[in-house]
Amino acid sequence: MSLIDIPTLENSAADSRPVLEAVNRQLGSVPNLFRLIGVSPAALQAYSGFNAALSGTLDVKTRERIALAVAQVNRCDYCLSAHAYLGLNLAKLSQEEISRNRLGTSDDSKAAAAVSFAALVAGERGHVNPSHLEAVRAAGFSDAQIIEIVALVAENTFTNYLNEVARTDIDFPVVRAADVF
């Protein structure tokens, strides 16, 4: 049971409802994460803006791969479950690729560079050395894209931390960080 009460869509803060209703139209439901963030309309607005801006950057497969790697580093079962589901159903990643992404790698060499860099940024809290930047550049990522990878790490770290603090009830098929392969 979540440690912070998660309202229904109907009982959500009035200022959060327009965003939550848009999520409902897009997904057909409002996952617990969104209703949890919506307890604070300011946090929901900030998250929605960050999420919307970043959704137009790297491709969906890369974004989901990064989300999986960061959730594994941060041991967030809610986000692992959500992004495993989205990885399979939205990004069309294979179960094997999802497993590799959780380990900070990929079968695709360019994706592997992004995913391993994201996992390193999350695990080292940004303390990377110049050789790590050069490896991502050598894989074909521009400086703007490197900044976008770091932004995705930050966005996912926020949801990882919030879900761990709240112990959000998982409303996706459950994936556990402890179930390492």
N, C-alpha and C. Protein backbone atom coordinates (compact mmCIF):
# COMPACT_ATOMS: atom_id res chain seq x y z
N MET A 1 0.84 -1.18 0.00
CA MET A 1 0.00 0.00 0.00
C MET A 1 0.88 1.25 0.00
N SER A 2 0.55 2.17 -0.85
CA SER A 2 1.33 3.40 -0.99
C SER A 2 1.35 4.18 0.32
N LEU A 3 2.50 4.78 0.62
CA LEU A 3 2.66 5.57 1.84
C LEU A 3 2.10 6.99 1.69
N ILE A 4 1.84 7.41 0.47
CA ILE A 4 1.17 8.68 0.20
C ILE A 4 -0.13 8.32 -0.52
N ASP A 5 -1.23 8.84 0.00
CA ASP A 5 -2.53 8.54 -0.61
C ASP A 5 -2.55 9.01 -2.06
N ILE A 6 -2.94 8.10 -2.94
CA ILE A 6 -3.04 8.40 -4.37
C ILE A 6 -4.51 8.57 -4.70
N PRO A 7 -4.91 9.78 -5.05
CA PRO A 7 -6.33 10.01 -5.32
C PRO A 7 -6.77 9.37 -6.64
N THR A 8 -8.06 9.17 -6.77
CA THR A 8 -8.61 8.78 -8.06
C THR A 8 -8.54 10.00 -8.96
N LEU A 9 -8.79 9.80 -10.22
CA LEU A 9 -8.82 10.93 -11.15
C LEU A 9 -9.86 11.96 -10.69
N GLU A 10 -11.02 11.48 -10.30
CA GLU A 10 -12.12 12.36 -9.89
C GLU A 10 -11.79 13.13 -8.61
N ASN A 11 -10.96 12.56 -7.75
CA ASN A 11 -10.62 13.20 -6.47
C ASN A 11 -9.29 13.93 -6.52
N SER A 12 -8.68 14.03 -7.68
CA SER A 12 -7.39 14.70 -7.82
C SER A 12 -7.55 16.20 -7.65
N ALA A 13 -6.44 16.85 -7.34
CA ALA A 13 -6.44 18.31 -7.22
C ALA A 13 -6.98 18.92 -8.51
N ALA A 14 -7.82 19.92 -8.37
CA ALA A 14 -8.46 20.55 -9.53
C ALA A 14 -7.43 21.03 -10.55
N ASP A 15 -6.31 21.60 -10.07
CA ASP A 15 -5.29 22.11 -11.00
C ASP A 15 -4.54 20.99 -11.71
N SER A 16 -4.63 19.76 -11.19
CA SER A 16 -3.96 18.62 -11.83
C SER A 16 -4.85 17.91 -12.83
N ARG A 17 -6.14 18.07 -12.70
CA ARG A 17 -7.07 17.30 -13.53
C ARG A 17 -6.89 17.46 -15.03
N PRO A 18 -6.64 18.65 -15.58
CA PRO A 18 -6.47 18.74 -17.04
C PRO A 18 -5.33 17.86 -17.55
N VAL A 19 -4.22 17.84 -16.85
CA VAL A 19 -3.09 16.99 -17.27
C VAL A 19 -3.46 15.53 -17.12
N LEU A 20 -4.07 15.17 -15.99
CA LEU A 20 -4.44 13.78 -15.75
C LEU A 20 -5.48 13.29 -16.75
N GLU A 21 -6.40 14.16 -17.12
CA GLU A 21 -7.40 13.79 -18.13
C GLU A 21 -6.75 13.60 -19.51
N ALA A 22 -5.73 14.39 -19.80
CA ALA A 22 -4.99 14.21 -21.06
C ALA A 22 -4.26 12.88 -21.06
N VAL A 23 -3.68 12.51 -19.93
CA VAL A 23 -3.02 11.20 -19.80
C VAL A 23 -4.04 10.10 -20.00
N ASN A 24 -5.20 10.26 -19.40
CA ASN A 24 -6.27 9.27 -19.53
C ASN A 24 -6.69 9.10 -20.99
N ARG A 25 -6.82 10.21 -21.70
CA ARG A 25 -7.19 10.12 -23.13
C ARG A 25 -6.10 9.41 -23.93
N GLN A 26 -4.84 9.69 -23.60
CA GLN A 26 -3.72 9.12 -24.35
C GLN A 26 -3.53 7.63 -24.05
N LEU A 27 -3.63 7.25 -22.77
CA LEU A 27 -3.32 5.88 -22.36
C LEU A 27 -4.55 5.01 -22.10
N GLY A 28 -5.70 5.65 -21.93
CA GLY A 28 -6.90 4.89 -21.59
C GLY A 28 -7.05 4.66 -20.10
N SER A 29 -6.09 5.13 -19.32
CA SER A 29 -6.14 5.07 -17.86
C SER A 29 -5.10 6.06 -17.35
N VAL A 30 -5.11 6.28 -16.06
CA VAL A 30 -4.13 7.17 -15.45
C VAL A 30 -3.31 6.35 -14.46
N PRO A 31 -2.09 5.99 -14.83
CA PRO A 31 -1.26 5.20 -13.92
C PRO A 31 -1.07 5.90 -12.57
N ASN A 32 -0.84 5.09 -11.55
CA ASN A 32 -0.65 5.60 -10.19
C ASN A 32 0.40 6.70 -10.13
N LEU A 33 1.48 6.57 -10.88
CA LEU A 33 2.54 7.57 -10.86
C LEU A 33 1.99 8.96 -11.15
N PHE A 34 1.19 9.10 -12.19
CA PHE A 34 0.68 10.42 -12.56
C PHE A 34 -0.26 10.98 -11.50
N ARG A 35 -1.12 10.12 -10.95
CA ARG A 35 -2.02 10.60 -9.91
C ARG A 35 -1.26 10.94 -8.64
N LEU A 36 -0.16 10.23 -8.37
CA LEU A 36 0.70 10.55 -7.23
C LEU A 36 1.35 11.91 -7.43
N ILE A 37 1.99 12.13 -8.57
CA ILE A 37 2.62 13.43 -8.82
C ILE A 37 1.56 14.52 -8.78
N GLY A 38 0.36 14.23 -9.25
CA GLY A 38 -0.72 15.21 -9.30
C GLY A 38 -1.20 15.68 -7.94
N VAL A 39 -0.79 15.00 -6.87
CA VAL A 39 -1.09 15.51 -5.53
C VAL A 39 -0.53 16.92 -5.40
N SER A 40 0.58 17.17 -6.10
CA SER A 40 1.16 18.51 -6.17
C SER A 40 1.00 19.02 -7.60
N PRO A 41 0.04 19.91 -7.84
CA PRO A 41 -0.11 20.44 -9.20
C PRO A 41 1.18 21.04 -9.75
N ALA A 42 1.98 21.68 -8.91
CA ALA A 42 3.25 22.27 -9.37
C ALA A 42 4.21 21.17 -9.84
N ALA A 43 4.31 20.09 -9.08
CA ALA A 43 5.19 18.99 -9.47
C ALA A 43 4.70 18.33 -10.76
N LEU A 44 3.39 18.16 -10.88
CA LEU A 44 2.84 17.56 -12.11
C LEU A 44 3.10 18.45 -13.31
N GLN A 45 2.92 19.75 -13.15
CA GLN A 45 3.19 20.68 -14.26
C GLN A 45 4.66 20.63 -14.64
N ALA A 46 5.55 20.61 -13.67
CA ALA A 46 6.98 20.56 -13.95
C ALA A 46 7.34 19.24 -14.66
N TYR A 47 6.86 18.15 -14.13
CA TYR A 47 7.15 16.84 -14.72
C TYR A 47 6.59 16.75 -16.14
N SER A 48 5.36 17.20 -16.33
CA SER A 48 4.72 17.13 -17.65
C SER A 48 5.47 17.96 -18.67
N GLY A 49 5.93 19.13 -18.27
CA GLY A 49 6.69 19.97 -19.18
C GLY A 49 8.02 19.35 -19.55
N PHE A 50 8.71 18.81 -18.56
CA PHE A 50 10.00 18.16 -18.80
C PHE A 50 9.80 16.95 -19.71
N ASN A 51 8.79 16.15 -19.38
CA ASN A 51 8.49 14.94 -20.15
C ASN A 51 8.12 15.27 -21.59
N ALA A 52 7.28 16.28 -21.77
CA ALA A 52 6.85 16.65 -23.12
C ALA A 52 8.03 17.15 -23.95
N ALA A 53 8.88 17.96 -23.36
CA ALA A 53 10.04 18.48 -24.09
C ALA A 53 10.98 17.35 -24.48
N LEU A 54 11.22 16.42 -23.58
CA LEU A 54 12.16 15.34 -23.87
C LEU A 54 11.57 14.28 -24.79
N SER A 55 10.26 14.21 -24.89
CA SER A 55 9.66 13.21 -25.78
C SER A 55 9.94 13.52 -27.25
N GLY A 56 10.38 14.74 -27.53
CA GLY A 56 10.70 15.11 -28.90
C GLY A 56 12.18 15.03 -29.22
N THR A 57 12.94 14.40 -28.33
CA THR A 57 14.39 14.34 -28.55
C THR A 57 14.79 12.98 -29.09
N LEU A 58 15.47 12.21 -28.32
CA LEU A 58 15.93 10.89 -28.77
C LEU A 58 14.73 10.01 -29.10
N ASP A 59 14.93 9.00 -29.92
CA ASP A 59 13.83 8.12 -30.32
C ASP A 59 13.28 7.36 -29.12
N VAL A 60 12.05 6.86 -29.26
CA VAL A 60 11.34 6.20 -28.16
C VAL A 60 12.09 4.98 -27.65
N LYS A 61 12.73 4.22 -28.53
CA LYS A 61 13.49 3.05 -28.08
C LYS A 61 14.63 3.48 -27.15
N THR A 62 15.35 4.51 -27.54
CA THR A 62 16.47 4.98 -26.72
C THR A 62 15.96 5.53 -25.39
N ARG A 63 14.88 6.28 -25.42
CA ARG A 63 14.32 6.83 -24.17
C ARG A 63 13.89 5.71 -23.22
N GLU A 64 13.25 4.68 -23.75
CA GLU A 64 12.82 3.57 -22.89
C GLU A 64 14.02 2.77 -22.39
N ARG A 65 15.02 2.59 -23.23
CA ARG A 65 16.24 1.89 -22.79
C ARG A 65 16.89 2.63 -21.63
N ILE A 66 16.98 3.95 -21.75
CA ILE A 66 17.58 4.76 -20.69
C ILE A 66 16.74 4.66 -19.41
N ALA A 67 15.42 4.73 -19.55
CA ALA A 67 14.54 4.62 -18.38
C ALA A 67 14.74 3.30 -17.66
N LEU A 68 14.89 2.22 -18.42
CA LEU A 68 15.11 0.90 -17.81
C LEU A 68 16.45 0.85 -17.07
N ALA A 69 17.49 1.37 -17.69
CA ALA A 69 18.81 1.35 -17.06
C ALA A 69 18.81 2.17 -15.77
N VAL A 70 18.21 3.35 -15.81
CA VAL A 70 18.18 4.22 -14.63
C VAL A 70 17.33 3.61 -13.53
N ALA A 71 16.19 3.04 -13.87
CA ALA A 71 15.34 2.39 -12.87
C ALA A 71 16.07 1.22 -12.20
N GLN A 72 16.85 0.49 -12.98
CA GLN A 72 17.61 -0.62 -12.39
C GLN A 72 18.69 -0.08 -11.45
N VAL A 73 19.42 0.94 -11.88
CA VAL A 73 20.45 1.55 -11.01
C VAL A 73 19.82 2.02 -9.71
N ASN A 74 18.64 2.66 -9.81
CA ASN A 74 17.98 3.21 -8.62
C ASN A 74 17.08 2.21 -7.90
N ARG A 75 17.04 0.99 -8.43
CA ARG A 75 16.27 -0.11 -7.82
C ARG A 75 14.80 0.26 -7.60
N CYS A 76 14.20 0.86 -8.62
CA CYS A 76 12.80 1.26 -8.54
C CYS A 76 11.91 0.24 -9.26
N ASP A 77 11.24 -0.59 -8.48
CA ASP A 77 10.39 -1.62 -9.06
C ASP A 77 9.22 -1.04 -9.84
N TYR A 78 8.64 0.07 -9.36
CA TYR A 78 7.52 0.67 -10.09
C TYR A 78 7.97 1.07 -11.49
N CYS A 79 9.08 1.80 -11.57
CA CYS A 79 9.53 2.29 -12.88
C CYS A 79 10.05 1.16 -13.77
N LEU A 80 10.68 0.17 -13.18
CA LEU A 80 11.08 -1.00 -13.98
C LEU A 80 9.85 -1.66 -14.58
N SER A 81 8.81 -1.81 -13.78
CA SER A 81 7.58 -2.44 -14.27
C SER A 81 6.94 -1.60 -15.37
N ALA A 82 6.84 -0.29 -15.14
CA ALA A 82 6.22 0.58 -16.13
C ALA A 82 7.02 0.59 -17.43
N HIS A 83 8.34 0.73 -17.33
CA HIS A 83 9.14 0.85 -18.55
C HIS A 83 9.38 -0.49 -19.23
N ALA A 84 9.31 -1.58 -18.52
CA ALA A 84 9.34 -2.89 -19.19
C ALA A 84 8.07 -3.05 -20.03
N TYR A 85 6.95 -2.63 -19.45
CA TYR A 85 5.68 -2.69 -20.19
C TYR A 85 5.73 -1.77 -21.41
N LEU A 86 6.16 -0.52 -21.20
CA LEU A 86 6.24 0.44 -22.31
C LEU A 86 7.29 0.01 -23.33
N GLY A 87 8.38 -0.55 -22.86
CA GLY A 87 9.42 -1.03 -23.77
C GLY A 87 8.88 -2.11 -24.70
N LEU A 88 8.13 -3.04 -24.13
CA LEU A 88 7.55 -4.12 -24.95
C LEU A 88 6.45 -3.61 -25.87
N ASN A 89 5.55 -2.80 -25.33
CA ASN A 89 4.32 -2.45 -26.04
C ASN A 89 4.36 -1.16 -26.83
N LEU A 90 5.18 -0.22 -26.43
CA LEU A 90 5.27 1.06 -27.13
C LEU A 90 6.52 1.10 -28.02
N ALA A 91 7.67 0.82 -27.41
CA ALA A 91 8.93 0.89 -28.15
C ALA A 91 9.21 -0.39 -28.94
N LYS A 92 8.46 -1.44 -28.66
CA LYS A 92 8.61 -2.72 -29.37
C LYS A 92 10.01 -3.32 -29.17
N LEU A 93 10.53 -3.21 -27.94
CA LEU A 93 11.80 -3.86 -27.60
C LEU A 93 11.51 -5.31 -27.26
N SER A 94 12.46 -6.18 -27.51
CA SER A 94 12.30 -7.58 -27.12
C SER A 94 12.57 -7.73 -25.63
N GLN A 95 12.10 -8.82 -25.06
CA GLN A 95 12.36 -9.09 -23.65
C GLN A 95 13.87 -9.20 -23.40
N GLU A 96 14.59 -9.77 -24.35
CA GLU A 96 16.05 -9.89 -24.22
C GLU A 96 16.71 -8.52 -24.22
N GLU A 97 16.23 -7.61 -25.06
CA GLU A 97 16.79 -6.26 -25.10
C GLU A 97 16.49 -5.52 -23.80
N ILE A 98 15.30 -5.69 -23.28
CA ILE A 98 14.95 -5.07 -22.00
C ILE A 98 15.89 -5.57 -20.90
N SER A 99 16.18 -6.84 -20.91
CA SER A 99 17.12 -7.40 -19.92
C SER A 99 18.51 -6.79 -20.08
N ARG A 100 18.96 -6.65 -21.31
CA ARG A 100 20.27 -6.02 -21.55
C ARG A 100 20.27 -4.56 -21.10
N ASN A 101 19.19 -3.84 -21.41
CA ASN A 101 19.09 -2.44 -21.03
C ASN A 101 19.17 -2.27 -19.51
N ARG A 102 18.51 -3.16 -18.78
CA ARG A 102 18.57 -3.10 -17.32
C ARG A 102 20.01 -3.27 -16.83
N LEU A 103 20.82 -3.97 -17.59
CA LEU A 103 22.23 -4.17 -17.23
C LEU A 103 23.12 -3.08 -17.78
N GLY A 104 22.53 -2.08 -18.44
CA GLY A 104 23.28 -0.94 -18.94
C GLY A 104 23.93 -1.16 -20.28
N THR A 105 23.32 -2.02 -21.11
CA THR A 105 23.89 -2.27 -22.42
C THR A 105 22.77 -2.52 -23.44
N SER A 106 23.16 -2.85 -24.66
CA SER A 106 22.21 -3.12 -25.73
C SER A 106 22.92 -3.93 -26.81
N ASP A 107 22.14 -4.62 -27.63
CA ASP A 107 22.71 -5.30 -28.80
C ASP A 107 23.11 -4.30 -29.87
N ASP A 108 22.44 -3.16 -29.89
CA ASP A 108 22.73 -2.11 -30.85
C ASP A 108 23.87 -1.26 -30.28
N SER A 109 24.97 -1.11 -31.02
CA SER A 109 26.16 -0.45 -30.47
C SER A 109 25.91 1.02 -30.12
N LYS A 110 25.15 1.73 -30.93
CA LYS A 110 24.88 3.13 -30.61
C LYS A 110 24.00 3.22 -29.37
N ALA A 111 22.97 2.40 -29.30
CA ALA A 111 22.10 2.38 -28.12
C ALA A 111 22.89 1.98 -26.88
N ALA A 112 23.82 1.04 -27.03
CA ALA A 112 24.64 0.60 -25.90
C ALA A 112 25.43 1.76 -25.32
N ALA A 113 25.94 2.63 -26.18
CA ALA A 113 26.70 3.79 -25.70
C ALA A 113 25.81 4.72 -24.89
N ALA A 114 24.59 4.98 -25.36
CA ALA A 114 23.67 5.85 -24.63
C ALA A 114 23.24 5.22 -23.31
N VAL A 115 22.90 3.95 -23.34
CA VAL A 115 22.40 3.27 -22.15
C VAL A 115 23.51 3.14 -21.10
N SER A 116 24.70 2.76 -21.52
CA SER A 116 25.78 2.63 -20.54
C SER A 116 26.16 3.98 -19.95
N PHE A 117 26.14 5.03 -20.78
CA PHE A 117 26.43 6.37 -20.28
C PHE A 117 25.35 6.80 -19.29
N ALA A 118 24.09 6.57 -19.61
CA ALA A 118 22.99 6.93 -18.70
C ALA A 118 23.11 6.18 -17.37
N ALA A 119 23.41 4.89 -17.43
CA ALA A 119 23.57 4.11 -16.20
C ALA A 119 24.75 4.64 -15.37
N LEU A 120 25.82 5.02 -16.05
CA LEU A 120 26.98 5.58 -15.36
C LEU A 120 26.64 6.92 -14.72
N VAL A 121 25.95 7.79 -15.45
CA VAL A 121 25.55 9.09 -14.90
C VAL A 121 24.68 8.88 -13.66
N ALA A 122 23.72 7.95 -13.74
CA ALA A 122 22.84 7.69 -12.60
C ALA A 122 23.63 7.10 -11.43
N GLY A 123 24.45 6.11 -11.71
CA GLY A 123 25.18 5.44 -10.65
C GLY A 123 26.24 6.30 -10.00
N GLU A 124 26.86 7.16 -10.79
CA GLU A 124 27.94 8.02 -10.28
C GLU A 124 27.44 9.43 -9.97
N ARG A 125 26.12 9.61 -10.08
CA ARG A 125 25.50 10.91 -9.79
C ARG A 125 26.16 12.06 -10.56
N GLY A 126 26.44 11.76 -11.83
CA GLY A 126 26.98 12.78 -12.73
C GLY A 126 28.49 12.87 -12.76
N HIS A 127 29.18 12.19 -11.87
CA HIS A 127 30.63 12.29 -11.79
C HIS A 127 31.28 11.34 -12.80
N VAL A 128 31.25 11.73 -14.05
CA VAL A 128 31.87 10.94 -15.11
C VAL A 128 33.15 11.63 -15.55
N ASN A 129 33.99 10.90 -16.25
CA ASN A 129 35.22 11.54 -16.71
C ASN A 129 35.15 11.81 -18.21
N PRO A 130 36.06 12.61 -18.72
CA PRO A 130 36.02 12.99 -20.15
C PRO A 130 36.00 11.81 -21.10
N SER A 131 36.62 10.70 -20.74
CA SER A 131 36.61 9.55 -21.64
C SER A 131 35.21 8.99 -21.84
N HIS A 132 34.35 9.13 -20.84
CA HIS A 132 32.97 8.67 -20.99
C HIS A 132 32.22 9.54 -22.00
N LEU A 133 32.45 10.83 -21.96
CA LEU A 133 31.84 11.72 -22.95
C LEU A 133 32.36 11.40 -24.35
N GLU A 134 33.64 11.16 -24.47
CA GLU A 134 34.22 10.83 -25.77
C GLU A 134 33.65 9.54 -26.33
N ALA A 135 33.37 8.57 -25.47
CA ALA A 135 32.79 7.30 -25.93
C ALA A 135 31.38 7.51 -26.49
N VAL A 136 30.60 8.37 -25.85
CA VAL A 136 29.25 8.65 -26.35
C VAL A 136 29.32 9.44 -27.66
N ARG A 137 30.23 10.37 -27.72
CA ARG A 137 30.42 11.13 -28.98
C ARG A 137 30.87 10.20 -30.10
N ALA A 138 31.80 9.30 -29.79
CA ALA A 138 32.32 8.36 -30.81
C ALA A 138 31.22 7.45 -31.34
N ALA A 139 30.18 7.21 -30.53
CA ALA A 139 29.06 6.38 -30.97
C ALA A 139 28.10 7.15 -31.87
N GLY A 140 28.32 8.47 -31.99
CA GLY A 140 27.50 9.27 -32.90
C GLY A 140 26.53 10.23 -32.24
N PHE A 141 26.68 10.45 -30.95
CA PHE A 141 25.79 11.38 -30.25
C PHE A 141 26.41 12.78 -30.22
N SER A 142 25.60 13.78 -30.50
CA SER A 142 26.04 15.18 -30.45
C SER A 142 26.06 15.64 -28.99
N ASP A 143 26.66 16.78 -28.75
CA ASP A 143 26.64 17.34 -27.40
C ASP A 143 25.21 17.62 -26.95
N ALA A 144 24.35 18.09 -27.85
CA ALA A 144 22.95 18.32 -27.49
C ALA A 144 22.29 17.01 -27.05
N GLN A 145 22.57 15.93 -27.76
CA GLN A 145 22.00 14.63 -27.39
C GLN A 145 22.57 14.11 -26.08
N ILE A 146 23.83 14.40 -25.80
CA ILE A 146 24.41 14.01 -24.52
C ILE A 146 23.69 14.74 -23.38
N ILE A 147 23.41 16.02 -23.59
CA ILE A 147 22.66 16.78 -22.60
C ILE A 147 21.26 16.18 -22.44
N GLU A 148 20.64 15.75 -23.52
CA GLU A 148 19.32 15.12 -23.46
C GLU A 148 19.37 13.80 -22.71
N ILE A 149 20.43 13.03 -22.87
CA ILE A 149 20.60 11.79 -22.10
C ILE A 149 20.65 12.11 -20.61
N VAL A 150 21.43 13.13 -20.25
CA VAL A 150 21.52 13.52 -18.84
C VAL A 150 20.15 14.01 -18.34
N ALA A 151 19.43 14.75 -19.16
CA ALA A 151 18.10 15.21 -18.78
C ALA A 151 17.15 14.03 -18.56
N LEU A 152 17.24 13.01 -19.41
CA LEU A 152 16.42 11.81 -19.22
C LEU A 152 16.78 11.08 -17.93
N VAL A 153 18.07 11.05 -17.61
CA VAL A 153 18.49 10.45 -16.34
C VAL A 153 17.84 11.21 -15.19
N ALA A 154 17.87 12.54 -15.25
CA ALA A 154 17.28 13.36 -14.18
C ALA A 154 15.77 13.14 -14.08
N GLU A 155 15.10 13.14 -15.22
CA GLU A 155 13.64 12.93 -15.22
C GLU A 155 13.29 11.58 -14.62
N ASN A 156 14.00 10.55 -15.04
CA ASN A 156 13.72 9.21 -14.53
C ASN A 156 14.12 9.05 -13.07
N THR A 157 15.19 9.71 -12.67
CA THR A 157 15.58 9.66 -11.26
C THR A 157 14.50 10.27 -10.38
N PHE A 158 13.90 11.37 -10.83
CA PHE A 158 12.79 11.97 -10.08
C PHE A 158 11.68 10.96 -9.84
N THR A 159 11.21 10.30 -10.91
CA THR A 159 10.11 9.35 -10.74
C THR A 159 10.56 8.13 -9.94
N ASN A 160 11.80 7.69 -10.13
CA ASN A 160 12.31 6.57 -9.33
C ASN A 160 12.27 6.91 -7.85
N TYR A 161 12.81 8.07 -7.51
CA TYR A 161 12.87 8.48 -6.11
C TYR A 161 11.47 8.67 -5.53
N LEU A 162 10.60 9.33 -6.28
CA LEU A 162 9.25 9.56 -5.78
C LEU A 162 8.53 8.24 -5.53
N ASN A 163 8.64 7.31 -6.47
CA ASN A 163 7.97 6.02 -6.29
C ASN A 163 8.56 5.22 -5.14
N GLU A 164 9.83 5.35 -4.90
CA GLU A 164 10.43 4.67 -3.76
C GLU A 164 10.01 5.32 -2.44
N VAL A 165 9.99 6.65 -2.39
CA VAL A 165 9.55 7.34 -1.19
C VAL A 165 8.10 6.96 -0.86
N ALA A 166 7.24 6.99 -1.87
CA ALA A 166 5.81 6.74 -1.66
C ALA A 166 5.49 5.25 -1.60
N ARG A 167 6.41 4.41 -2.06
CA ARG A 167 6.13 2.97 -2.20
C ARG A 167 4.85 2.78 -3.02
N THR A 168 4.84 3.43 -4.17
CA THR A 168 3.68 3.43 -5.05
C THR A 168 3.27 2.01 -5.43
N ASP A 169 1.99 1.73 -5.31
CA ASP A 169 1.47 0.44 -5.74
C ASP A 169 1.71 0.29 -7.24
N ILE A 170 2.25 -0.84 -7.65
CA ILE A 170 2.59 -1.08 -9.05
C ILE A 170 1.33 -1.50 -9.81
N ASP A 171 1.01 -0.75 -10.85
CA ASP A 171 -0.18 -1.03 -11.66
C ASP A 171 0.19 -1.47 -13.08
N PHE A 172 1.31 -2.15 -13.20
CA PHE A 172 1.79 -2.77 -14.44
C PHE A 172 2.21 -4.18 -14.07
N PRO A 173 2.44 -5.06 -15.06
CA PRO A 173 3.02 -6.36 -14.72
C PRO A 173 4.34 -6.13 -13.95
N VAL A 174 4.46 -6.78 -12.82
CA VAL A 174 5.55 -6.47 -11.88
C VAL A 174 6.90 -7.00 -12.34
N VAL A 175 7.89 -6.10 -12.29
CA VAL A 175 9.30 -6.42 -12.54
C VAL A 175 10.05 -5.95 -11.31
N ARG A 176 10.92 -6.77 -10.75
CA ARG A 176 11.66 -6.42 -9.55
C ARG A 176 13.14 -6.22 -9.85
N ALA A 177 13.69 -5.13 -9.32
CA ALA A 177 15.12 -4.83 -9.51
C ALA A 177 15.98 -5.95 -8.94
N ALA A 178 15.51 -6.57 -7.87
CA ALA A 178 16.28 -7.64 -7.23
C ALA A 178 16.37 -8.89 -8.09
N ASP A 179 15.47 -9.02 -9.04
CA ASP A 179 15.48 -10.18 -9.93
C ASP A 179 16.46 -9.96 -11.07
N VAL A 180 17.72 -10.00 -10.72
CA VAL A 180 18.78 -9.77 -11.71
C VAL A 180 19.09 -11.12 -12.35
N PHE A 181 19.40 -11.08 -13.59
CA PHE A 181 19.55 -12.30 -14.38
C PHE A 181 20.99 -12.60 -14.65
